[in-house]
């Protein structure tokens, strides 16, 4: 088997496993678990970097770079959404004092 075929099979297996795991989580738990998943997305970035360095072809390196960009967008936007969600739970008592 070629190296590219193995990498494609690993990608497909990870995609199917991720889809199956996310569908198994009840809707009520999606938001609280999102912040923990952001940390795991950082591990995904490390994996993509490792796979990209092993890619022998230019197409493999381009797809790896695209994967790195997509994973970084996922991490940054995930932390942004989590921060926004946590701000909703703050009390409004200190907001008048801060605005004066």
PDB file of N, CA and C in Angstrom:
ATOM      1  N   UNK A   1       0.838  -1.183   0.000  1.00  0.00           N
ATOM      2  CA  UNK A   1       0.000   0.000   0.000  1.00  0.00           C
ATOM      3  C   UNK A   1       0.880   1.243   0.000  1.00  0.00           C
ATOM      4  N   UNK A   2       0.449   2.241  -0.728  1.00  0.00           N
ATOM      5  CA  UNK A   2       1.217   3.481  -0.763  1.00  0.00           C
ATOM      6  C   UNK A   2       0.916   4.321   0.478  1.00  0.00           C
ATOM      7  N   UNK A   3       1.822   5.246   0.732  1.00  0.00           N
ATOM      8  CA  UNK A   3       1.694   6.100   1.903  1.00  0.00           C
ATOM      9  C   UNK A   3       0.440   6.981   1.806  1.00  0.00           C
ATOM     10  N   UNK A   4       0.141   7.487   0.619  1.00  0.00           N
ATOM     11  CA  UNK A   4      -1.031   8.340   0.434  1.00  0.00           C
ATOM     12  C   UNK A   4      -2.324   7.585   0.706  1.00  0.00           C
ATOM     13  N   UNK A   5      -2.393   6.329   0.268  1.00  0.00           N
ATOM     14  CA  UNK A   5      -3.591   5.522   0.482  1.00  0.00           C
ATOM     15  C   UNK A   5      -3.812   5.264   1.972  1.00  0.00           C
ATOM     16  N   UNK A   6      -2.736   5.014   2.690  1.00  0.00           N
ATOM     17  CA  UNK A   6      -2.832   4.799   4.134  1.00  0.00           C
ATOM     18  C   UNK A   6      -3.328   6.071   4.823  1.00  0.00           C
ATOM     19  N   UNK A   7      -2.798   7.225   4.412  1.00  0.00           N
ATOM     20  CA  UNK A   7      -3.233   8.489   4.998  1.00  0.00           C
ATOM     21  C   UNK A   7      -4.699   8.763   4.704  1.00  0.00           C
ATOM     22  N   UNK A   8      -5.154   8.451   3.510  1.00  0.00           N
ATOM     23  CA  UNK A   8      -6.567   8.637   3.163  1.00  0.00           C
ATOM     24  C   UNK A   8      -7.445   7.715   3.994  1.00  0.00           C
ATOM     25  N   UNK A   9      -7.020   6.470   4.179  1.00  0.00           N
ATOM     26  CA  UNK A   9      -7.793   5.529   4.998  1.00  0.00           C
ATOM     27  C   UNK A   9      -7.860   5.976   6.457  1.00  0.00           C
ATOM     28  N   UNK A  10      -6.757   6.509   6.980  1.00  0.00           N
ATOM     29  CA  UNK A  10      -6.761   7.029   8.354  1.00  0.00           C
ATOM     30  C   UNK A  10      -7.720   8.209   8.463  1.00  0.00           C
ATOM     31  N   UNK A  11      -7.715   9.082   7.466  1.00  0.00           N
ATOM     32  CA  UNK A  11      -8.612  10.236   7.463  1.00  0.00           C
ATOM     33  C   UNK A  11     -10.070   9.791   7.441  1.00  0.00           C
ATOM     34  N   UNK A  12     -10.403   8.833   6.594  1.00  0.00           N
ATOM     35  CA  UNK A  12     -11.785   8.352   6.490  1.00  0.00           C
ATOM     36  C   UNK A  12     -12.216   7.688   7.796  1.00  0.00           C
ATOM     37  N   UNK A  13     -11.331   6.887   8.389  1.00  0.00           N
ATOM     38  CA  UNK A  13     -11.665   6.231   9.656  1.00  0.00           C
ATOM     39  C   UNK A  13     -11.887   7.263  10.766  1.00  0.00           C
ATOM     40  N   UNK A  14     -11.044   8.294  10.826  1.00  0.00           N
ATOM     41  CA  UNK A  14     -11.206   9.337  11.841  1.00  0.00           C
ATOM     42  C   UNK A  14     -12.500  10.119  11.620  1.00  0.00           C
ATOM     43  N   UNK A  15     -12.824  10.368  10.369  1.00  0.00           N
ATOM     44  CA  UNK A  15     -14.048  11.109  10.067  1.00  0.00           C
ATOM     45  C   UNK A  15     -15.278  10.306  10.482  1.00  0.00           C
ATOM     46  N   UNK A  16     -15.314   9.021  10.172  1.00  0.00           N
ATOM     47  CA  UNK A  16     -16.460   8.190  10.535  1.00  0.00           C
ATOM     48  C   UNK A  16     -16.576   8.016  12.047  1.00  0.00           C
ATOM     49  N   UNK A  17     -15.454   7.824  12.711  1.00  0.00           N
ATOM     50  CA  UNK A  17     -15.473   7.685  14.165  1.00  0.00           C
ATOM     51  C   UNK A  17     -15.942   8.979  14.836  1.00  0.00           C
ATOM     52  N   UNK A  18     -15.445  10.117  14.370  1.00  0.00           N
ATOM     53  CA  UNK A  18     -15.868  11.398  14.926  1.00  0.00           C
ATOM     54  C   UNK A  18     -17.349  11.644  14.734  1.00  0.00           C
ATOM     55  N   UNK A  19     -17.861  11.330  13.548  1.00  0.00           N
ATOM     56  CA  UNK A  19     -19.282  11.503  13.275  1.00  0.00           C
ATOM     57  C   UNK A  19     -20.120  10.625  14.199  1.00  0.00           C
ATOM     58  N   UNK A  20     -19.686   9.406  14.376  1.00  0.00           N
ATOM     59  CA  UNK A  20     -20.421   8.471  15.243  1.00  0.00           C
ATOM     60  C   UNK A  20     -20.409   8.932  16.710  1.00  0.00           C
ATOM     61  N   UNK A  21     -19.253   9.403  17.166  1.00  0.00           N
ATOM     62  CA  UNK A  21     -19.149   9.860  18.556  1.00  0.00           C
ATOM     63  C   UNK A  21     -19.989  11.107  18.807  1.00  0.00           C
ATOM     64  N   UNK A  22     -19.978  12.053  17.885  1.00  0.00           N
ATOM     65  CA  UNK A  22     -20.735  13.287  18.077  1.00  0.00           C
ATOM     66  C   UNK A  22     -22.232  13.003  18.052  1.00  0.00           C
ATOM     67  N   UNK A  23     -22.672  12.107  17.209  1.00  0.00           N
ATOM     68  CA  UNK A  23     -24.097  11.780  17.166  1.00  0.00           C
ATOM     69  C   UNK A  23     -24.566  11.049  18.424  1.00  0.00           C
ATOM     70  N   UNK A  24     -23.641  10.445  19.165  1.00  0.00           N
ATOM     71  CA  UNK A  24     -24.020   9.716  20.378  1.00  0.00           C
ATOM     72  C   UNK A  24     -24.211  10.648  21.574  1.00  0.00           C
ATOM     73  N   UNK A  25     -23.763  11.901  21.468  1.00  0.00           N
ATOM     74  CA  UNK A  25     -23.877  12.851  22.576  1.00  0.00           C
ATOM     75  C   UNK A  25     -25.260  13.502  22.548  1.00  0.00           C
ATOM     76  N   UNK A  26     -25.993  13.493  23.666  1.00  0.00           N
ATOM     77  CA  UNK A  26     -27.301  14.161  23.701  1.00  0.00           C
ATOM     78  C   UNK A  26     -27.167  15.671  23.463  1.00  0.00           C
ATOM     79  N   UNK A  27     -28.213  16.283  22.934  1.00  0.00           N
ATOM     80  CA  UNK A  27     -28.186  17.707  22.595  1.00  0.00           C
ATOM     81  C   UNK A  27     -27.900  18.596  23.796  1.00  0.00           C
ATOM     82  N   UNK A  28     -28.383  18.223  24.965  1.00  0.00           N
ATOM     83  CA  UNK A  28     -28.156  19.044  26.160  1.00  0.00           C
ATOM     84  C   UNK A  28     -26.686  19.121  26.563  1.00  0.00           C
ATOM     85  N   UNK A  29     -25.911  18.142  26.155  1.00  0.00           N
ATOM     86  CA  UNK A  29     -24.507  18.123  26.555  1.00  0.00           C
ATOM     87  C   UNK A  29     -23.571  18.743  25.525  1.00  0.00           C
ATOM     88  N   UNK A  30     -24.074  19.101  24.361  1.00  0.00           N
ATOM     89  CA  UNK A  30     -23.191  19.630  23.317  1.00  0.00           C
ATOM     90  C   UNK A  30     -22.477  20.904  23.762  1.00  0.00           C
ATOM     91  N   UNK A  31     -23.206  21.855  24.325  1.00  0.00           N
ATOM     92  CA  UNK A  31     -22.596  23.133  24.695  1.00  0.00           C
ATOM     93  C   UNK A  31     -21.580  22.987  25.829  1.00  0.00           C
ATOM     94  N   UNK A  32     -21.884  22.269  26.928  1.00  0.00           N
ATOM     95  CA  UNK A  32     -20.870  22.140  27.989  1.00  0.00           C
ATOM     96  C   UNK A  32     -19.629  21.363  27.553  1.00  0.00           C
ATOM     97  N   UNK A  33     -19.792  20.427  26.658  1.00  0.00           N
ATOM     98  CA  UNK A  33     -18.645  19.629  26.232  1.00  0.00           C
ATOM     99  C   UNK A  33     -17.802  20.327  25.176  1.00  0.00           C
ATOM    100  N   UNK A  34     -18.313  21.420  24.623  1.00  0.00           N
ATOM    101  CA  UNK A  34     -17.607  22.084  23.533  1.00  0.00           C
ATOM    102  C   UNK A  34     -16.259  22.639  23.983  1.00  0.00           C
ATOM    103  N   UNK A  35     -16.175  23.172  25.186  1.00  0.00           N
ATOM    104  CA  UNK A  35     -14.902  23.731  25.640  1.00  0.00           C
ATOM    105  C   UNK A  35     -13.848  22.632  25.794  1.00  0.00           C
ATOM    106  N   UNK A  36     -14.261  21.479  26.254  1.00  0.00           N
ATOM    107  CA  UNK A  36     -13.326  20.359  26.333  1.00  0.00           C
ATOM    108  C   UNK A  36     -12.886  19.873  24.965  1.00  0.00           C
ATOM    109  N   UNK A  37     -13.784  19.928  24.021  1.00  0.00           N
ATOM    110  CA  UNK A  37     -13.451  19.506  22.660  1.00  0.00           C
ATOM    111  C   UNK A  37     -12.493  20.480  21.993  1.00  0.00           C
ATOM    112  N   UNK A  38     -12.513  21.736  22.416  1.00  0.00           N
ATOM    113  CA  UNK A  38     -11.565  22.699  21.860  1.00  0.00           C
ATOM    114  C   UNK A  38     -10.132  22.283  22.185  1.00  0.00           C
ATOM    115  N   UNK A  39      -9.919  21.761  23.374  1.00  0.00           N
ATOM    116  CA  UNK A  39      -8.585  21.287  23.740  1.00  0.00           C
ATOM    117  C   UNK A  39      -8.194  20.085  22.885  1.00  0.00           C
ATOM    118  N   UNK A  40      -9.145  19.209  22.624  1.00  0.00           N
ATOM    119  CA  UNK A  40      -8.840  18.055  21.776  1.00  0.00           C
ATOM    120  C   UNK A  40      -8.587  18.472  20.328  1.00  0.00           C
ATOM    121  N   UNK A  41      -9.180  19.570  19.908  1.00  0.00           N
ATOM    122  CA  UNK A  41      -8.914  20.072  18.559  1.00  0.00           C
ATOM    123  C   UNK A  41      -7.468  20.518  18.424  1.00  0.00           C
ATOM    124  N   UNK A  42      -6.869  20.958  19.522  1.00  0.00           N
ATOM    125  CA  UNK A  42      -5.444  21.279  19.506  1.00  0.00           C
ATOM    126  C   UNK A  42      -4.605  20.048  19.205  1.00  0.00           C
ATOM    127  N   UNK A  43      -5.021  18.906  19.720  1.00  0.00           N
ATOM    128  CA  UNK A  43      -4.333  17.652  19.419  1.00  0.00           C
ATOM    129  C   UNK A  43      -4.515  17.298  17.952  1.00  0.00           C
ATOM    130  N   UNK A  44      -5.686  17.611  17.397  1.00  0.00           N
ATOM    131  CA  UNK A  44      -5.931  17.385  15.974  1.00  0.00           C
ATOM    132  C   UNK A  44      -4.949  18.180  15.130  1.00  0.00           C
ATOM    133  N   UNK A  45      -4.678  19.409  15.540  1.00  0.00           N
ATOM    134  CA  UNK A  45      -3.716  20.234  14.804  1.00  0.00           C
ATOM    135  C   UNK A  45      -2.336  19.585  14.821  1.00  0.00           C
ATOM    136  N   UNK A  46      -1.938  19.061  15.962  1.00  0.00           N
ATOM    137  CA  UNK A  46      -0.639  18.377  16.029  1.00  0.00           C
ATOM    138  C   UNK A  46      -0.602  17.160  15.102  1.00  0.00           C
ATOM    139  N   UNK A  47      -1.705  16.418  15.062  1.00  0.00           N
ATOM    140  CA  UNK A  47      -1.776  15.268  14.164  1.00  0.00           C
ATOM    141  C   UNK A  47      -1.704  15.667  12.703  1.00  0.00           C
ATOM    142  N   UNK A  48      -2.384  16.745  12.350  1.00  0.00           N
ATOM    143  CA  UNK A  48      -2.358  17.207  10.964  1.00  0.00           C
ATOM    144  C   UNK A  48      -0.959  17.672  10.585  1.00  0.00           C
ATOM    145  N   UNK A  49      -0.275  18.348  11.511  1.00  0.00           N
ATOM    146  CA  UNK A  49       1.094  18.784  11.236  1.00  0.00           C
ATOM    147  C   UNK A  49       1.994  17.576  11.004  1.00  0.00           C
ATOM    148  N   UNK A  50       1.829  16.534  11.836  1.00  0.00           N
ATOM    149  CA  UNK A  50       2.653  15.335  11.678  1.00  0.00           C
ATOM    150  C   UNK A  50       2.378  14.643  10.346  1.00  0.00           C
ATOM    151  N   UNK A  51       1.110  14.542   9.977  1.00  0.00           N
ATOM    152  CA  UNK A  51       0.760  13.884   8.719  1.00  0.00           C
ATOM    153  C   UNK A  51       1.241  14.717   7.531  1.00  0.00           C
ATOM    154  N   UNK A  52       1.152  16.028   7.640  1.00  0.00           N
ATOM    155  CA  UNK A  52       1.592  16.897   6.546  1.00  0.00           C
ATOM    156  C   UNK A  52       3.094  16.773   6.319  1.00  0.00           C
ATOM    157  N   UNK A  53       3.847  16.625   7.386  1.00  0.00           N
ATOM    158  CA  UNK A  53       5.297  16.470   7.208  1.00  0.00           C
ATOM    159  C   UNK A  53       5.645  15.141   6.546  1.00  0.00           C
ATOM    160  N   UNK A  54       4.791  14.132   6.713  1.00  0.00           N
ATOM    161  CA  UNK A  54       5.044  12.834   6.079  1.00  0.00           C
ATOM    162  C   UNK A  54       4.576  12.774   4.628  1.00  0.00           C
ATOM    163  N   UNK A  55       3.744  13.727   4.227  1.00  0.00           N
ATOM    164  CA  UNK A  55       3.216  13.712   2.868  1.00  0.00           C
ATOM    165  C   UNK A  55       4.363  13.907   1.881  1.00  0.00           C
ATOM    166  N   UNK A  56       4.399  13.045   0.878  1.00  0.00           N
ATOM    167  CA  UNK A  56       5.475  13.105  -0.100  1.00  0.00           C
ATOM    168  C   UNK A  56       5.166  13.983  -1.289  1.00  0.00           C
ATOM    169  N   UNK A  57       3.909  14.126  -1.614  1.00  0.00           N
ATOM    170  CA  UNK A  57       3.551  14.882  -2.810  1.00  0.00           C
ATOM    171  C   UNK A  57       3.146  16.307  -2.451  1.00  0.00           C
ATOM    172  N   UNK A  58       3.145  17.157  -3.457  1.00  0.00           N
ATOM    173  CA  UNK A  58       2.730  18.547  -3.275  1.00  0.00           C
ATOM    174  C   UNK A  58       1.248  18.603  -2.933  1.00  0.00           C
ATOM    175  N   UNK A  59       0.446  17.732  -3.540  1.00  0.00           N
ATOM    176  CA  UNK A  59      -0.993  17.701  -3.262  1.00  0.00           C
ATOM    177  C   UNK A  59      -1.230  17.345  -1.795  1.00  0.00           C
ATOM    178  N   UNK A  60      -0.479  16.385  -1.281  1.00  0.00           N
ATOM    179  CA  UNK A  60      -0.604  16.005   0.122  1.00  0.00           C
ATOM    180  C   UNK A  60      -0.249  17.147   1.057  1.00  0.00           C
ATOM    181  N   UNK A  61       0.801  17.873   0.722  1.00  0.00           N
ATOM    182  CA  UNK A  61       1.195  19.015   1.554  1.00  0.00           C
ATOM    183  C   UNK A  61       0.158  20.130   1.480  1.00  0.00           C
ATOM    184  N   UNK A  62      -0.430  20.363   0.315  1.00  0.00           N
ATOM    185  CA  UNK A  62      -1.474  21.383   0.187  1.00  0.00           C
ATOM    186  C   UNK A  62      -2.722  20.997   0.975  1.00  0.00           C
ATOM    187  N   UNK A  63      -3.108  19.729   0.886  1.00  0.00           N
ATOM    188  CA  UNK A  63      -4.263  19.271   1.666  1.00  0.00           C
ATOM    189  C   UNK A  63      -3.978  19.338   3.166  1.00  0.00           C
ATOM    190  N   UNK A  64      -2.752  19.046   3.548  1.00  0.00           N
ATOM    191  CA  UNK A  64      -2.370  19.165   4.954  1.00  0.00           C
ATOM    192  C   UNK A  64      -2.441  20.608   5.439  1.00  0.00           C
ATOM    193  N   UNK A  65      -1.961  21.530   4.595  1.00  0.00           N
ATOM    194  CA  UNK A  65      -2.038  22.949   4.961  1.00  0.00           C
ATOM    195  C   UNK A  65      -3.490  23.393   5.076  1.00  0.00           C
ATOM    196  N   UNK A  66      -4.341  22.914   4.184  1.00  0.00           N
ATOM    197  CA  UNK A  66      -5.771  23.227   4.259  1.00  0.00           C
ATOM    198  C   UNK A  66      -6.380  22.666   5.544  1.00  0.00           C
ATOM    199  N   UNK A  67      -5.966  21.463   5.925  1.00  0.00           N
ATOM    200  CA  UNK A  67      -6.441  20.859   7.170  1.00  0.00           C
ATOM    201  C   UNK A  67      -5.991  21.639   8.392  1.00  0.00           C
ATOM    202  N   UNK A  68      -4.762  22.146   8.372  1.00  0.00           N
ATOM    203  CA  UNK A  68      -4.260  22.954   9.488  1.00  0.00           C
ATOM    204  C   UNK A  68      -5.077  24.229   9.625  1.00  0.00           C
ATOM    205  N   UNK A  69      -5.350  24.887   8.506  1.00  0.00           N
ATOM    206  CA  UNK A  69      -6.150  26.118   8.540  1.00  0.00           C
ATOM    207  C   UNK A  69      -7.549  25.822   9.063  1.00  0.00           C
ATOM    208  N   UNK A  70      -8.166  24.740   8.584  1.00  0.00           N
ATOM    209  CA  UNK A  70      -9.521  24.397   9.032  1.00  0.00           C
ATOM    210  C   UNK A  70      -9.542  24.084  10.535  1.00  0.00           C
ATOM    211  N   UNK A  71      -8.549  23.355  11.017  1.00  0.00           N
ATOM    212  CA  UNK A  71      -8.495  23.022  12.444  1.00  0.00           C
ATOM    213  C   UNK A  71      -8.255  24.269  13.296  1.00  0.00           C
ATOM    214  N   UNK A  72      -7.424  25.188  12.816  1.00  0.00           N
ATOM    215  CA  UNK A  72      -7.200  26.425  13.562  1.00  0.00           C
ATOM    216  C   UNK A  72      -8.468  27.264  13.628  1.00  0.00           C
ATOM    217  N   UNK A  73      -9.213  27.326  12.527  1.00  0.00           N
ATOM    218  CA  UNK A  73     -10.485  28.039  12.533  1.00  0.00           C
ATOM    219  C   UNK A  73     -11.434  27.393  13.539  1.00  0.00           C
ATOM    220  N   UNK A  74     -11.439  26.069  13.590  1.00  0.00           N
ATOM    221  CA  UNK A  74     -12.287  25.344  14.526  1.00  0.00           C
ATOM    222  C   UNK A  74     -11.932  25.678  15.969  1.00  0.00           C
ATOM    223  N   UNK A  75     -10.650  25.701  16.282  1.00  0.00           N
ATOM    224  CA  UNK A  75     -10.224  25.979  17.653  1.00  0.00           C
ATOM    225  C   UNK A  75     -10.553  27.418  18.050  1.00  0.00           C
ATOM    226  N   UNK A  76     -10.204  28.366  17.198  1.00  0.00           N
ATOM    227  CA  UNK A  76     -10.427  29.779  17.529  1.00  0.00           C
ATOM    228  C   UNK A  76     -11.916  30.078  17.653  1.00  0.00           C
ATOM    229  N   UNK A  77     -12.712  29.611  16.709  1.00  0.00           N
ATOM    230  CA  UNK A  77     -14.153  29.884  16.787  1.00  0.00           C
ATOM    231  C   UNK A  77     -14.796  29.129  17.942  1.00  0.00           C
ATOM    232  N   UNK A  78     -14.315  27.943  18.256  1.00  0.00           N
ATOM    233  CA  UNK A  78     -14.845  27.194  19.395  1.00  0.00           C
ATOM    234  C   UNK A  78     -14.613  27.910  20.702  1.00  0.00           C
ATOM    235  N   UNK A  79     -13.405  28.447  20.898  1.00  0.00           N
ATOM    236  CA  UNK A  79     -13.144  29.211  22.110  1.00  0.00           C
ATOM    237  C   UNK A  79     -13.954  30.501  22.130  1.00  0.00           C
ATOM    238  N   UNK A  80     -14.173  31.115  20.970  1.00  0.00           N
ATOM    239  CA  UNK A  80     -14.998  32.319  20.910  1.00  0.00           C
ATOM    240  C   UNK A  80     -16.436  32.048  21.316  1.00  0.00           C
ATOM    241  N   UNK A  81     -16.996  30.959  20.814  1.00  0.00           N
ATOM    242  CA  UNK A  81     -18.371  30.597  21.169  1.00  0.00           C
ATOM    243  C   UNK A  81     -18.463  30.237  22.645  1.00  0.00           C
ATOM    244  N   UNK A  82     -17.480  29.511  23.156  1.00  0.00           N
ATOM    245  CA  UNK A  82     -17.485  29.152  24.577  1.00  0.00           C
ATOM    246  C   UNK A  82     -17.399  30.400  25.447  1.00  0.00           C
ATOM    247  N   UNK A  83     -16.552  31.350  25.066  1.00  0.00           N
ATOM    248  CA  UNK A  83     -16.441  32.601  25.824  1.00  0.00           C
ATOM    249  C   UNK A  83     -17.761  33.370  25.802  1.00  0.00           C
ATOM    250  N   UNK A  84     -18.385  33.414  24.660  1.00  0.00           N
ATOM    251  CA  UNK A  84     -19.676  34.108  24.549  1.00  0.00           C
ATOM    252  C   UNK A  84     -20.735  33.415  25.419  1.00  0.00           C
ATOM    253  N   UNK A  85     -20.723  32.088  25.414  1.00  0.00           N
ATOM    254  CA  UNK A  85     -21.677  31.342  26.221  1.00  0.00           C
ATOM    255  C   UNK A  85     -21.449  31.599  27.711  1.00  0.00           C
ATOM    256  N   UNK A  86     -20.196  31.629  28.137  1.00  0.00           N
ATOM    257  CA  UNK A  86     -19.900  31.858  29.550  1.00  0.00           C
ATOM    258  C   UNK A  86     -20.259  33.277  29.982  1.00  0.00           C
ATOM    259  N   UNK A  87     -20.134  34.255  29.084  1.00  0.00           N
ATOM    260  CA  UNK A  87     -20.526  35.625  29.414  1.00  0.00           C
ATOM    261  C   UNK A  87     -22.026  35.734  29.648  1.00  0.00           C
ATOM    262  N   UNK A  88     -22.811  34.847  29.079  1.00  0.00           N
ATOM    263  CA  UNK A  88     -24.257  34.870  29.287  1.00  0.00           C
ATOM    264  C   UNK A  88     -24.617  34.509  30.726  1.00  0.00           C
ATOM    265  N   UNK A  89     -23.739  33.775  31.412  1.00  0.00           N
ATOM    266  CA  UNK A  89     -24.034  33.326  32.767  1.00  0.00           C
ATOM    267  C   UNK A  89     -23.537  34.285  33.839  1.00  0.00           C
ATOM    268  N   UNK A  90     -22.832  35.345  33.465  1.00  0.00           N
ATOM    269  CA  UNK A  90     -22.383  36.336  34.444  1.00  0.00           C
ATOM    270  C   UNK A  90     -23.569  37.154  34.916  1.00  0.00           C
ATOM    271  N   UNK A  91     -23.509  37.572  36.177  1.00  0.00           N
ATOM    272  CA  UNK A  91     -24.596  38.413  36.699  1.00  0.00           C
ATOM    273  C   UNK A  91     -24.449  39.828  36.143  1.00  0.00           C
ATOM    274  N   UNK A  92     -25.546  40.543  36.078  1.00  0.00           N
ATOM    275  CA  UNK A  92     -25.552  41.892  35.537  1.00  0.00           C
ATOM    276  C   UNK A  92     -25.353  42.954  36.613  1.00  0.00           C
ATOM    277  N   UNK A  93     -24.999  42.581  37.832  1.00  0.00           N
ATOM    278  CA  UNK A  93     -24.858  43.526  38.931  1.00  0.00           C
ATOM    279  C   UNK A  93     -23.720  44.511  38.694  1.00  0.00           C
ATOM    280  N   UNK A  94     -22.611  44.064  38.145  1.00  0.00           N
ATOM    281  CA  UNK A  94     -21.443  44.933  37.980  1.00  0.00           C
ATOM    282  C   UNK A  94     -21.430  45.713  36.687  1.00  0.00           C
ATOM    283  N   UNK A  95     -22.418  45.549  35.813  1.00  0.00           N
ATOM    284  CA  UNK A  95     -22.372  46.198  34.513  1.00  0.00           C
ATOM    285  C   UNK A  95     -22.589  47.697  34.597  1.00  0.00           C
ATOM    286  N   UNK A  96     -23.435  48.183  35.535  1.00  0.00           N
ATOM    287  CA  UNK A  96     -23.672  49.618  35.661  1.00  0.00           C
ATOM    288  C   UNK A  96     -22.417  50.323  36.187  1.00  0.00           C
ATOM    289  N   UNK A  97     -21.739  49.694  37.126  1.00  0.00           N
ATOM    290  CA  UNK A  97     -20.531  50.301  37.689  1.00  0.00           C
ATOM    291  C   UNK A  97     -19.421  50.389  36.664  1.00  0.00           C
ATOM    292  N   UNK A  98     -19.324  49.387  35.796  1.00  0.00           N
ATOM    293  CA  UNK A  98     -18.267  49.369  34.797  1.00  0.00           C
ATOM    294  C   UNK A  98     -18.522  50.397  33.706  1.00  0.00           C
ATOM    295  N   UNK A  99     -19.795  50.693  33.399  1.00  0.00           N
ATOM    296  CA  UNK A  99     -20.099  51.607  32.311  1.00  0.00           C
ATOM    297  C   UNK A  99     -19.976  53.065  32.726  1.00  0.00           C
ATOM    298  N   UNK A 100     -19.951  53.384  34.028  1.00  0.00           N
ATOM    299  CA  UNK A 100     -19.872  54.778  34.494  1.00  0.00           C
ATOM    300  C   UNK A 100     -18.505  55.346  34.457  1.00  0.00           C
TER     301      UNK A 100
END
